[in-house]
Protein backbone atom coordinates (compact mmCIF):
# COMPACT_ATOMS: atom_id res chain seq x y z
CA MET A 1 32.50 5.94 7.27
CA SER A 2 29.80 6.03 9.95
CA ALA A 3 26.46 4.33 9.38
CA LYS A 4 24.70 7.70 9.65
CA THR A 5 26.81 9.20 6.84
CA PHE A 6 26.40 6.09 4.71
CA TRP A 7 22.61 6.29 5.07
CA GLY A 8 22.72 9.96 3.98
CA ILE A 9 24.62 8.98 0.81
CA LEU A 10 22.13 6.21 0.06
CA ALA A 11 19.22 8.62 0.62
CA LEU A 12 20.68 11.03 -1.94
CA LEU A 13 21.26 8.10 -4.30
CA ARG A 14 17.56 7.20 -4.05
CA ILE A 15 16.53 10.69 -5.17
CA PHE A 16 19.16 10.81 -7.95
CA TRP A 17 18.14 7.29 -9.03
CA CYS A 18 14.59 8.58 -9.49
CA LEU A 19 15.56 11.73 -11.39
CA LEU A 20 18.05 9.97 -13.68
CA PRO A 21 15.50 8.36 -14.47
CA GLN A 22 15.39 4.60 -14.02
CA THR A 23 14.66 2.95 -17.37
CA GLY A 24 13.85 -0.54 -16.08
CA TYR A 25 10.25 -1.59 -16.69
CA LEU A 26 9.24 -3.97 -13.89
CA HIS A 27 5.56 -4.63 -14.59
CA PRO A 28 2.72 -2.95 -16.52
CA ASP A 29 0.84 -2.30 -13.26
CA GLU A 30 3.42 0.37 -12.46
CA PHE A 31 1.89 2.53 -15.20
CA PHE A 32 -1.59 1.19 -15.88
CA GLN A 33 -2.90 1.45 -12.31
CA SER A 34 -2.02 5.11 -11.77
CA PRO A 35 -0.17 7.47 -14.19
CA GLU A 36 -1.70 6.09 -17.40
CA VAL A 37 -5.23 6.53 -16.04
CA MET A 38 -4.61 9.95 -14.51
CA ALA A 39 -2.88 11.26 -17.64
CA GLY A 40 -6.04 10.47 -19.58
CA ASP A 41 -8.39 11.94 -16.99
CA ILE A 42 -6.47 15.09 -16.04
CA LEU A 43 -4.21 15.88 -19.01
CA ASP A 44 -6.61 14.58 -21.67
CA LEU A 45 -3.92 12.43 -23.30
CA GLN A 46 -4.37 9.31 -25.38
CA VAL A 47 -4.13 6.40 -22.95
CA TYR A 48 -5.18 2.80 -22.55
CA TYR A 49 -7.63 2.29 -19.69
CA PRO A 50 -7.13 -1.13 -18.05
CA TRP A 51 -10.19 -3.21 -17.31
CA GLU A 52 -9.93 -2.48 -13.56
CA PHE A 53 -10.74 1.19 -14.22
CA LEU A 54 -13.67 0.64 -16.57
CA SER A 55 -17.14 1.40 -15.24
CA SER A 56 -18.21 -2.13 -16.17
CA SER A 57 -15.58 -3.73 -13.89
CA PRO A 58 -14.36 -1.28 -11.21
CA CYS A 59 -11.79 -3.15 -9.12
CA ARG A 60 -9.33 -0.40 -8.13
CA THR A 61 -9.91 2.63 -5.97
CA VAL A 62 -9.29 5.95 -7.68
CA VAL A 63 -8.31 7.74 -4.45
CA PHE A 64 -4.63 6.80 -4.40
CA PRO A 65 -4.03 7.40 -8.14
CA LEU A 66 -5.52 10.86 -7.58
CA ILE A 67 -3.30 11.49 -4.54
CA THR A 68 -0.13 10.44 -6.36
CA SER A 69 -0.15 10.80 -10.15
CA GLY A 70 -3.28 12.95 -10.17
CA ILE A 71 -1.84 15.68 -7.95
CA THR A 72 1.43 15.89 -9.88
CA TYR A 73 -0.31 16.04 -13.25
CA TRP A 74 -2.78 18.64 -12.00
CA MET A 75 0.14 20.81 -10.84
CA ILE A 76 1.87 20.49 -14.23
CA LYS A 77 -1.35 21.35 -16.03
CA SER A 78 -1.96 24.37 -13.78
CA LEU A 79 1.58 25.70 -14.31
CA GLN A 80 1.18 25.27 -18.06
CA ARG A 81 -2.12 27.16 -18.08
CA LEU A 82 -0.54 29.99 -16.10
CA GLY A 83 2.23 30.21 -18.68
CA MET A 84 4.88 29.33 -16.09
CA TRP A 85 5.87 26.01 -17.70
CA SER A 86 4.89 25.93 -21.36
CA ASN A 87 6.75 22.68 -22.09
CA GLY A 88 5.77 20.95 -18.86
CA ILE A 89 3.97 18.04 -20.49
CA ASN A 90 6.61 15.74 -21.95
CA SER A 91 7.73 12.15 -21.50
CA TYR A 92 10.30 12.98 -18.80
CA THR A 93 8.00 15.00 -16.54
CA LEU A 94 5.12 12.58 -17.05
CA LEU A 95 7.37 9.70 -15.99
CA VAL A 96 9.40 11.32 -13.20
CA SER A 97 6.91 13.60 -11.42
CA PRO A 98 4.74 10.80 -9.92
CA ARG A 99 7.87 8.77 -9.17
CA LEU A 100 9.44 11.71 -7.36
CA LEU A 101 6.37 12.03 -5.15
CA LEU A 102 6.51 8.29 -4.34
CA THR A 103 10.25 8.58 -3.69
CA THR A 104 9.48 11.34 -1.19
CA PHE A 105 6.84 9.13 0.42
CA SER A 106 9.36 6.28 0.57
CA PHE A 107 11.17 8.05 3.39
CA ILE A 108 8.21 7.02 5.55
CA LEU A 109 10.06 3.70 5.66
CA ASP A 110 13.19 5.39 6.97
CA TYR A 111 11.19 7.31 9.56
CA SER A 112 9.50 4.07 10.64
CA VAL A 113 12.84 2.30 11.08
CA TYR A 114 14.19 5.28 13.03
CA ARG A 115 11.19 5.18 15.37
CA LEU A 116 10.89 1.42 15.74
CA ALA A 117 14.49 0.19 15.84
CA PRO A 118 15.17 0.93 19.55
CA PHE A 119 11.94 -0.73 20.65
CA TRP A 120 12.70 -3.91 18.69
CA GLY A 121 16.32 -4.08 19.86
CA ALA A 122 17.97 -2.91 16.62
CA ASP A 123 20.57 -0.22 16.06
CA ARG A 124 18.90 2.71 14.29
CA TRP A 125 21.55 3.63 11.76
CA ASN A 126 22.62 0.09 10.91
CA ALA A 127 18.98 -0.77 10.27
CA LEU A 128 18.57 2.37 8.13
CA VAL A 129 21.63 1.45 6.05
CA LEU A 130 20.24 -2.05 5.53
CA LEU A 131 16.93 -0.54 4.41
CA ALA A 132 18.29 2.25 2.19
CA GLY A 133 20.88 -0.03 0.59
CA SER A 134 18.32 -2.63 -0.48
CA TYR A 135 17.51 -2.61 -4.18
CA VAL A 136 13.87 -3.14 -3.17
CA THR A 137 13.89 0.37 -1.67
CA LEU A 138 15.82 1.87 -4.60
CA VAL A 139 13.73 0.28 -7.34
CA PHE A 140 10.28 -0.68 -6.05
CA TYR A 141 9.70 2.13 -3.54
CA THR A 142 10.45 4.78 -6.16
CA ARG A 143 7.71 3.51 -8.51
CA THR A 144 3.95 4.00 -8.77
CA PHE A 145 2.95 0.51 -7.66
CA THR A 146 -0.02 -0.13 -5.41
CA ASN A 147 2.36 -2.51 -3.62
CA THR A 148 4.58 0.49 -2.81
CA LEU A 149 1.67 2.27 -1.15
CA GLU A 150 0.78 -0.95 0.62
CA GLY A 151 4.30 -1.10 2.07
CA LEU A 152 4.18 2.52 3.22
CA LEU A 153 0.79 2.04 4.91
CA PHE A 154 2.09 -1.12 6.56
CA ALA A 155 5.06 0.85 7.90
CA LEU A 156 2.76 3.54 9.31
CA LEU A 157 0.60 0.86 10.92
CA MET A 158 3.64 -0.71 12.59
CA VAL A 159 4.60 2.72 13.98
CA LEU A 160 1.07 3.32 15.26
CA VAL A 161 0.71 -0.03 17.04
CA SER A 162 4.13 0.20 18.69
CA PRO A 163 4.46 2.06 22.01
CA LYS A 164 4.97 5.81 21.73
CA ALA A 165 7.50 6.16 24.51
CA VAL A 166 10.83 4.67 23.45
CA GLY A 167 12.15 5.47 26.93
CA TYR A 168 10.13 2.59 28.30
CA GLY A 169 12.28 0.14 26.31
CA THR A 170 10.41 -3.08 25.59
CA ASP A 171 8.38 -3.11 28.79
CA ILE A 172 4.87 -3.43 27.39
CA SER A 173 3.25 -2.98 30.78
CA GLN A 174 4.41 0.67 30.89
CA ALA A 175 3.77 1.46 27.22
CA LYS A 176 1.21 3.96 25.98
CA PRO A 177 -1.12 2.63 23.27
CA THR A 178 -1.58 4.71 20.12
CA SER A 179 -4.82 6.38 19.10
CA SER A 180 -7.15 3.81 17.59
CA SER A 181 -8.67 6.35 15.20
CA LEU A 182 -5.47 6.62 13.14
CA ILE A 183 -5.09 2.83 13.17
CA GLY A 184 -8.59 2.43 11.77
CA ILE A 185 -7.99 5.00 9.02
CA ILE A 186 -4.72 3.37 7.90
CA THR A 187 -6.25 -0.11 7.93
CA VAL A 188 -9.23 0.83 5.76
CA ALA A 189 -7.07 2.92 3.41
CA GLY A 190 -4.76 -0.06 2.95
CA PHE A 191 -7.71 -2.36 2.33
CA PHE A 192 -9.09 -0.10 -0.40
CA ASN A 193 -5.63 0.24 -1.95
CA ARG A 194 -5.12 -3.55 -2.00
CA PRO A 195 -7.37 -5.97 -0.10
CA THR A 196 -4.26 -8.09 0.55
CA PHE A 197 -3.32 -5.39 3.08
CA LEU A 198 -5.37 -7.30 5.64
CA ALA A 199 -2.74 -10.07 5.53
CA PHE A 200 -0.08 -7.53 6.54
CA ALA A 201 -2.29 -5.74 9.07
CA LEU A 202 -3.46 -8.87 10.93
CA MET A 203 -0.50 -9.30 13.29
CA PRO A 204 0.00 -5.56 14.03
CA LEU A 205 -3.69 -5.25 14.90
CA LEU A 206 -3.55 -8.31 17.17
CA TYR A 207 -0.41 -6.93 18.79
CA TRP A 208 -2.15 -3.60 19.36
CA ALA A 209 -5.15 -5.36 20.93
CA VAL A 210 -2.86 -7.28 23.31
CA LEU A 211 -0.99 -4.06 24.13
CA ASN A 212 -4.26 -2.34 25.05
CA ALA A 213 -5.40 -5.28 27.15
CA THR A 214 -2.07 -5.31 29.01
CA SER A 215 -1.54 -1.58 29.55
CA GLN A 216 -5.19 -0.58 30.15
CA HIS A 217 -6.82 -2.60 32.93
CA SER A 218 -10.16 -0.86 32.61
CA ILE A 219 -12.67 -2.67 30.38
CA LYS A 220 -14.35 0.66 29.72
CA THR A 221 -11.07 2.12 28.38
CA ILE A 222 -10.54 -0.82 26.06
CA ALA A 223 -14.15 -0.57 24.85
CA ASN A 224 -13.63 3.13 24.08
CA HIS A 225 -10.55 2.29 21.97
CA LEU A 226 -12.50 -0.32 20.02
CA LEU A 227 -15.39 2.10 19.51
CA LYS A 228 -13.01 4.70 18.06
CA LEU A 229 -11.59 2.02 15.80
CA VAL A 230 -15.04 1.14 14.47
CA SER A 231 -16.06 4.76 13.93
CA SER A 232 -12.84 5.71 12.12
CA THR A 233 -12.95 2.63 9.88
CA ALA A 234 -16.58 3.28 8.95
CA PHE A 235 -15.92 6.96 8.21
CA THR A 236 -12.88 6.16 6.04
CA ALA A 237 -14.75 3.43 4.17
CA ILE A 238 -17.57 5.87 3.39
CA ILE A 239 -15.09 8.43 2.00
CA PHE A 240 -13.39 5.87 -0.27
CA THR A 241 -16.70 4.37 -1.41
CA ALA A 242 -18.16 7.79 -2.22
CA ALA A 243 -15.06 8.79 -4.21
CA ASP A 244 -15.05 5.54 -6.21
CA THR A 245 -18.80 5.71 -6.82
CA LEU A 246 -18.57 9.26 -8.12
CA TYR A 247 -15.68 8.31 -10.38
CA PHE A 248 -17.05 5.12 -11.89
CA THR A 249 -20.68 6.18 -12.30
CA SER A 250 -22.66 9.27 -13.19
CA ILE A 251 -24.32 9.27 -9.77
CA GLY A 252 -22.92 12.70 -9.01
CA SER A 253 -25.02 14.31 -11.75
CA GLU A 254 -28.09 12.18 -11.17
CA ILE A 255 -28.60 12.90 -7.47
CA SER A 256 -29.69 16.45 -6.68
CA LEU A 257 -32.05 18.34 -4.41
CA TYR A 258 -34.58 18.38 -7.23
CA SER A 259 -34.56 14.59 -7.51
CA ILE A 260 -34.98 14.28 -3.74
CA LYS A 261 -38.02 16.59 -3.83
CA LYS A 262 -39.48 14.83 -6.83
CA ASN A 263 -38.87 11.19 -5.94
CA GLY A 264 -38.66 11.41 -2.19
CA LEU A 265 -35.77 10.77 0.17
CA LEU A 266 -36.27 7.00 0.43
CA SER A 267 -36.34 6.43 -3.33
CA THR A 268 -33.27 8.64 -3.73
CA ILE A 269 -31.39 6.62 -1.10
CA ALA A 270 -32.45 3.45 -2.92
CA GLN A 271 -31.07 4.90 -6.14
CA ILE A 272 -27.75 5.62 -4.40
CA ASN A 273 -27.61 2.09 -2.99
CA GLN A 274 -28.08 0.64 -6.44
CA ASN A 275 -25.09 2.63 -7.73
CA VAL A 276 -22.72 2.26 -4.78
CA ILE A 277 -19.37 0.77 -5.82
CA VAL A 278 -17.08 -0.85 -3.26
CA THR A 279 -13.96 -1.59 -5.29
CA PRO A 280 -12.19 -3.94 -2.79
CA PHE A 281 -15.15 -6.34 -2.85
CA ASN A 282 -15.07 -6.38 -6.65
CA PHE A 283 -11.33 -7.03 -6.46
CA LEU A 284 -11.85 -9.97 -4.09
CA ARG A 285 -14.73 -11.36 -6.14
CA TYR A 286 -12.54 -11.36 -9.23
CA ASN A 287 -9.38 -12.79 -7.66
CA LEU A 288 -11.13 -15.49 -5.65
CA ASN A 289 -12.27 -17.00 -8.95
CA PRO A 290 -9.58 -19.57 -9.93
CA HIS A 291 -10.39 -19.12 -13.62
CA ASN A 292 -9.70 -15.38 -13.46
CA LEU A 293 -6.53 -15.87 -11.46
CA ALA A 294 -5.25 -18.42 -13.99
CA GLN A 295 -5.28 -15.74 -16.71
CA HIS A 296 -2.57 -13.85 -14.82
CA GLY A 297 -0.35 -16.88 -14.23
CA ILE A 298 -0.39 -19.84 -11.87
CA HIS A 299 2.53 -20.49 -9.52
CA PRO A 300 3.29 -23.20 -6.94
CA ARG A 301 2.22 -22.21 -3.44
CA LEU A 302 5.82 -22.22 -2.19
CA THR A 303 6.94 -19.65 -4.78
CA HIS A 304 6.86 -16.73 -2.32
CA PHE A 305 8.71 -18.69 0.34
CA ALA A 306 11.32 -20.45 -1.82
CA VAL A 307 11.81 -18.07 -4.77
CA ASN A 308 10.33 -14.57 -4.43
CA GLY A 309 11.63 -13.96 -0.93
CA ILE A 310 15.18 -14.78 -2.02
CA MET A 311 14.80 -12.81 -5.27
CA LEU A 312 13.83 -9.67 -3.33
CA PHE A 313 15.80 -9.89 -0.10
CA GLY A 314 18.57 -12.40 -0.81
CA ILE A 315 20.47 -13.61 2.23
CA LEU A 316 18.22 -11.59 4.57
CA HIS A 317 15.29 -13.87 3.75
CA ILE A 318 17.43 -16.94 4.44
CA LEU A 319 18.61 -15.45 7.75
CA ALA A 320 14.99 -14.82 8.74
CA ILE A 321 14.18 -18.47 8.06
CA SER A 322 17.20 -19.48 10.14
CA VAL A 323 16.06 -17.32 13.07
CA GLY A 324 12.56 -18.77 12.78
CA LEU A 325 13.80 -22.34 12.83
CA LYS A 326 16.00 -21.67 15.86
CA MET A 327 13.13 -20.07 17.73
CA LEU A 328 10.85 -22.97 16.85
CA LYS A 329 13.46 -25.40 18.15
CA ILE A 330 13.73 -23.46 21.44
CA ASN A 331 9.95 -23.39 21.89
CA ILE A 332 9.68 -27.13 21.28
CA HIS A 333 12.46 -27.69 23.83
CA GLN A 334 10.70 -25.50 26.41
CA LEU A 335 7.37 -27.27 25.87
CA SER A 336 9.05 -30.63 26.37
CA TRP A 337 10.64 -29.39 29.62
CA ILE A 338 7.30 -28.10 30.91
CA ARG A 339 5.59 -31.42 30.18
CA LEU A 340 8.30 -33.36 32.00
CA HIS A 341 8.72 -31.07 35.04
CA ASN A 342 5.39 -29.21 35.15
CA HIS A 343 7.19 -25.87 35.46
CA ARG A 344 9.30 -23.54 33.34
CA PRO A 345 13.03 -24.34 32.97
CA PRO A 346 15.21 -22.52 35.51
CA THR A 347 17.61 -21.19 32.86
CA MET A 348 15.40 -20.37 29.90
CA LEU A 349 17.20 -19.28 26.74
CA VAL A 350 15.64 -15.96 25.75
CA LEU A 351 16.25 -14.24 22.43
CA ALA A 352 15.74 -10.54 21.77
CA LYS A 353 12.27 -9.61 23.02
CA GLY A 354 11.12 -8.22 19.70
CA ASN A 355 12.11 -11.22 17.63
CA PRO A 356 9.10 -13.53 18.16
CA THR A 357 6.65 -10.77 17.23
CA LEU A 358 8.72 -9.59 14.27
CA LEU A 359 8.89 -13.16 13.00
CA LEU A 360 5.09 -13.22 13.00
CA PHE A 361 4.98 -9.80 11.31
CA TYR A 362 7.15 -11.26 8.54
CA PHE A 363 5.98 -14.85 8.10
CA VAL A 364 2.23 -14.56 8.74
CA PRO A 365 1.63 -12.25 5.71
CA LEU A 366 3.97 -14.48 3.71
CA ALA A 367 1.84 -17.50 4.60
CA PHE A 368 -1.47 -15.77 3.77
CA LEU A 369 -0.22 -14.53 0.39
CA SER A 370 1.02 -18.05 -0.37
CA LEU A 371 -2.58 -19.32 -0.24
CA PHE A 372 -3.12 -17.76 -3.68
CA ASN A 373 -1.69 -19.46 -6.74
CA HIS A 374 -0.75 -16.18 -8.42
CA GLN A 375 2.47 -15.04 -6.75
CA GLU A 376 4.68 -12.19 -7.97
CA PRO A 377 7.78 -10.88 -6.16
CA ARG A 378 6.40 -7.34 -5.80
CA PHE A 379 3.60 -8.66 -3.58
CA LEU A 380 6.20 -9.12 -0.81
CA ILE A 381 7.91 -5.71 -0.83
CA PRO A 382 5.98 -4.47 2.28
CA LEU A 383 7.85 -7.11 4.30
CA ILE A 384 11.15 -5.25 4.05
CA LEU A 385 10.42 -3.26 7.23
CA PRO A 386 9.91 -6.17 9.69
CA LEU A 387 12.73 -8.04 7.95
CA VAL A 388 15.24 -5.23 8.50
CA LEU A 389 14.20 -4.85 12.15
CA LEU A 390 14.45 -8.62 12.63
CA ILE A 391 17.85 -9.13 11.01
CA THR A 392 19.75 -6.04 12.20
CA PRO A 393 20.30 -7.32 15.79
CA GLN A 394 21.76 -10.54 14.37
CA ASN A 395 25.56 -10.39 14.16
CA ARG A 396 25.42 -12.49 11.01
CA THR A 397 24.77 -9.45 8.83
CA LEU A 398 28.41 -8.36 9.24
CA LYS A 399 29.59 -11.77 8.07
CA TRP A 400 27.45 -11.57 4.92
CA LYS A 401 28.12 -7.88 4.21
CA PRO A 402 29.97 -8.39 0.86
CA ILE A 403 27.23 -10.71 -0.42
CA ILE A 404 24.52 -8.24 0.64
CA ILE A 405 26.25 -5.39 -1.22
CA ILE A 406 26.85 -7.39 -4.41
CA PHE A 407 23.29 -8.75 -4.37
CA ASN A 408 21.72 -5.29 -4.11
CA VAL A 409 24.01 -3.72 -6.73
CA LEU A 410 23.15 -6.48 -9.21
CA GLY A 411 19.44 -6.25 -8.33
CA ALA A 412 19.38 -2.48 -8.86
CA LEU A 413 21.13 -2.78 -12.25
CA LEU A 414 19.01 -5.71 -13.42
CA PHE A 415 15.57 -4.41 -12.43
CA GLY A 416 16.30 -0.69 -12.40
CA CYS A 417 18.12 -0.49 -15.75
CA LEU A 418 18.16 -3.69 -17.80
CA HIS A 419 14.77 -5.39 -17.46
CA GLN A 420 12.69 -4.16 -20.44
CA GLY A 421 14.96 -1.14 -20.13
CA GLY A 422 14.68 0.05 -23.74
CA LEU A 423 10.93 0.60 -23.82
CA ILE A 424 10.78 3.86 -21.82
CA PRO A 425 13.67 5.52 -23.76
CA CYS A 426 12.04 4.25 -26.97
CA LEU A 427 8.78 6.02 -26.13
CA SER A 428 10.71 9.17 -25.29
CA HIS A 429 12.49 8.98 -28.66
CA LEU A 430 9.22 8.51 -30.51
CA GLU A 431 7.61 11.36 -28.58
CA GLN A 432 10.39 13.71 -29.70
CA LEU A 433 9.99 12.49 -33.27
CA ILE A 434 6.22 12.96 -33.31
CA HIS A 435 6.44 16.42 -31.71
CA SER A 436 9.47 17.58 -33.70
CA THR A 437 9.37 20.84 -35.65
CA GLU A 438 9.28 18.96 -38.94
CA SER A 439 6.30 16.89 -37.83
CA LEU A 440 4.45 19.98 -36.66
CA ASN A 441 5.05 21.75 -39.98
CA HIS A 442 4.17 18.68 -42.04
CA PRO A 443 1.70 16.55 -40.03
CA ALA A 444 2.01 12.84 -40.69
CA HIS A 445 0.22 9.71 -39.56
CA TYR A 446 2.30 7.44 -37.30
CA THR A 447 1.60 3.75 -36.75
CA LEU A 448 3.63 2.21 -33.93
CA LEU A 449 3.63 -1.57 -33.66
CA PHE A 450 5.07 -3.12 -30.49
CA ALA A 451 5.97 -6.82 -30.65
CA HIS A 452 7.38 -8.98 -27.83
CA THR A 453 7.58 -6.09 -25.36
CA TYR A 454 5.65 -5.18 -22.25
CA MET A 455 2.54 -3.05 -22.75
CA PRO A 456 3.69 0.40 -23.91
CA PRO A 457 2.39 3.23 -21.67
CA ARG A 458 0.65 5.50 -24.18
CA PHE A 459 0.74 8.57 -21.97
CA LEU A 460 4.53 8.91 -22.39
CA LEU A 461 3.96 9.87 -26.03
CA SER A 462 1.94 12.90 -24.75
CA ILE A 463 -0.58 12.70 -27.60
CA ASN A 464 -3.83 14.61 -27.15
CA LYS A 465 -7.03 12.54 -27.25
CA ARG A 466 -8.34 14.65 -30.11
CA ASP A 467 -5.25 13.98 -32.22
CA PRO A 468 -5.90 11.03 -34.59
CA LEU A 469 -2.39 11.03 -36.05
CA VAL A 470 -0.92 8.28 -33.90
CA GLU A 471 -2.06 4.67 -33.84
CA ILE A 472 -0.55 2.14 -31.44
CA ILE A 473 -0.72 -1.60 -32.07
CA ASP A 474 0.35 -3.82 -29.19
CA MET A 475 0.93 -7.37 -30.40
CA ALA A 476 2.63 -8.56 -27.20
CA GLY A 477 4.17 -12.01 -27.76
CA THR A 478 2.20 -12.90 -30.88
CA GLU A 479 3.34 -15.74 -33.16
CA GLN A 480 5.40 -15.16 -36.28
CA ASN A 481 2.61 -15.84 -38.82
CA THR A 482 0.24 -13.29 -37.28
CA LEU A 483 3.04 -10.77 -36.90
CA CYS A 484 4.15 -11.16 -40.51
CA GLN A 485 0.58 -10.77 -41.76
CA THR A 486 0.18 -7.50 -39.85
CA LEU A 487 3.53 -6.21 -41.10
CA GLY A 488 2.51 -7.00 -44.66
CA GLN A 489 -0.67 -4.97 -44.24
CA LEU A 490 1.31 -2.03 -42.88
CA ALA A 491 3.76 -2.20 -45.76
CA ASN A 492 0.86 -2.12 -48.21
CA ASN A 493 -0.58 0.96 -46.49
CA ILE A 494 -3.77 -0.82 -45.51
CA ALA A 495 -3.77 0.43 -41.92
CA CYS A 496 -3.07 4.07 -42.77
CA GLY A 497 -5.23 6.74 -44.31
CA THR A 498 -8.57 5.26 -43.28
CA ARG A 499 -9.81 8.69 -42.15
CA GLU A 500 -10.64 11.45 -44.63
CA THR A 501 -8.25 13.78 -42.80
CA ASP A 502 -5.40 11.29 -43.03
CA LYS A 503 -5.48 10.46 -46.74
CA GLU A 504 -3.30 13.36 -47.82
CA ARG A 505 -0.78 12.91 -45.01
CA THR A 506 2.47 10.97 -45.14
CA CYS A 507 2.31 7.66 -43.31
CA HIS A 508 5.15 6.40 -41.12
CA PHE A 509 5.25 2.83 -39.84
CA PHE A 510 7.52 1.78 -36.99
CA VAL A 511 8.05 -1.66 -35.49
CA ILE A 512 9.45 -1.79 -31.96
CA THR A 513 10.88 -5.17 -31.01
CA PRO A 514 13.82 -6.66 -29.05
CA GLY A 515 17.02 -7.56 -30.84
CA THR A 516 16.42 -11.22 -30.00
CA VAL A 517 13.27 -11.15 -32.17
CA ARG A 518 14.67 -9.04 -34.99
CA THR A 519 15.79 -12.08 -37.01
CA THR A 520 12.27 -13.50 -36.85
CA ILE A 521 10.79 -10.24 -38.15
CA GLN A 522 13.30 -10.13 -41.02
CA LYS A 523 11.80 -13.40 -42.27
CA CYS A 524 8.47 -11.65 -42.84
CA GLY A 525 9.66 -10.29 -46.21
CA VAL A 526 9.30 -6.60 -45.33
CA LEU A 527 12.08 -4.10 -45.89
CA PHE A 528 13.09 -1.51 -43.31
CA LYS A 529 14.64 1.76 -44.39
CA ASN A 530 15.72 3.05 -40.97
CA GLU A 531 16.58 1.44 -37.67
CA THR A 532 17.42 2.81 -34.23
CA LEU A 533 18.96 0.73 -31.46
CA ILE A 534 18.01 1.54 -27.87
CA PHE A 535 20.50 0.05 -25.40
CA PRO A 536 20.22 -1.68 -22.95
CA HIS A 537 17.10 -3.83 -23.07
CA LEU A 538 16.75 -7.29 -21.56
CA THR A 539 13.61 -9.33 -22.13
CA MET A 540 13.30 -12.50 -20.08
CA GLU A 541 10.43 -13.71 -22.29
CA ASP A 542 12.82 -13.76 -25.30
CA PRO A 543 16.22 -14.04 -23.61
CA PRO A 544 19.44 -13.69 -25.60
CA GLN A 545 21.51 -16.75 -26.36
CA ILE A 546 24.69 -17.03 -24.31
CA SER A 547 26.81 -17.58 -27.44
CA PHE A 548 25.62 -14.27 -28.94
CA LEU A 549 26.56 -12.37 -25.78
CA PHE A 550 30.21 -13.23 -26.41
CA SER A 551 30.11 -12.24 -30.07
CA GLU A 552 30.12 -8.94 -31.96
CA LYS A 553 26.29 -8.95 -31.90
CA TRP A 554 26.03 -8.72 -28.13
CA ARG A 555 24.67 -5.16 -28.21
CA SER A 556 21.89 -6.14 -30.60
CA GLN A 557 20.92 -9.02 -28.31
CA LEU A 558 20.66 -6.60 -25.39
CA GLY A 559 18.89 -3.85 -27.27
CA LEU A 560 15.48 -2.72 -28.48
CA TYR A 561 15.06 -1.85 -32.15
CA ILE A 562 12.89 0.84 -33.70
CA LEU A 563 12.46 -0.31 -37.29
CA GLN A 564 10.81 1.94 -39.89
CA ILE A 565 8.98 0.01 -42.61
CA ASP A 566 9.72 0.90 -46.21
CA ARG A 567 6.27 0.67 -47.78
CA ASN A 568 7.48 1.59 -51.27
CA GLU A 569 9.80 -1.40 -51.72
CA GLN A 570 9.11 -4.94 -50.56
CA SER A 571 11.13 -8.10 -50.82
CA ILE A 572 9.60 -11.46 -51.55
């Protein structure tokens, strides 16, 4: 099978993998920084607004959530209003529609590899197969992470700073520099999406500056490029700031022509300045505080380099380190020769021309991100592009081909299906139960308690904000005593029927918890009349015991239980 055909199969797999859909739950940020917020704003569903999107602590731009989840939800809402899709709002469409848009955007990576591979000395289709076959592309780049958008913007930036004319090969002196206006727009957009984008953009921007200085000998020409860069960055920053300010404050309704006439232009401008919100600065202010960062987890500074890089890219990360060490050894040897002979060695060992720059594109962002003590694997997913371009020319990839395939298959199954994999199907099951014909004919009050799971995305239940019939209790990894006390209150009907409209309704109580915690819950002395097992579900916070995995109870250890409390009968 040719590499071109193999890439086509992997491209179709990426789309199918999205539509299936993937049930793996990687991190709450996948939902709570885009679709959860937009479902509440546009579809008027019951959601949980994270602190970053509260007006008291605005740390995330609203522009990209609007472009991704917002557009898809607006289209669904419009089709429903027109009567063209009456059942458009359900757990499947709410989950898949934003992912499908991001999956479409993910082919920006493929386009970038196709454009850049010849310039950096890599075979196009082999590089594309390496990219499309990575579980990072299949799993992370089909999700609504801000890190996904960061990777796509980084890919566009690498395309923009590289010479347009591939026919020139790698001869920088004959290359044509790209328009600086687009570079400025992408840089500012990436900064507003995640301020860490500057770590990824640093080397491409320096490379672009060197390219301009080399290919354009006129100082006036270079100054014009820089001026365009400044004007485009300022314009883009104003657009993002205005959008965020309008979203997080009521400034849009306060400022009008009447207020300008009444208070004067200067006082009105002062009022605007007092309300201006620049979300990236709030993000930096929060994350540069060690106390705030500690609340999200503290990791050793070598975690990205020694753990996360291998977890995401496997042998490719190790090969990149090997190439870096070899190049460092060659440079040290050349410097020693120059010091001894005062001239360059007559037979200098030269590697592929793109390799030194690509090494910087890969390791410089890695080094900057390692300065922070909070280090998660997803922070590194933008590095897949320079890594693929760096490793493809190395003949070692053929030697490690079986290991690369096995690693990516296991990674896709673990993170795409198993990891917290029961929570999304569980929410879909509960949504069908709540919206069933029986429930519509006989409205009941539902209390859903989640214990030892990731944060449940409320929007997947598709409950209207004005509907008080569903209450969600997220107890995360709470201790047994607190959990048992809450379960006892639910069994005694304390938490149900507090509203006048609820008192005559039937109350249903469900506990959602992994099979590894089920035994602990059974010790609380509460009876359960129904149970539903969602398989598979792997929680690393409460991992199954190895001995149980080889017993008859292995499914329960790798499952998520929906337990319905029997409030009429209780054991001691």
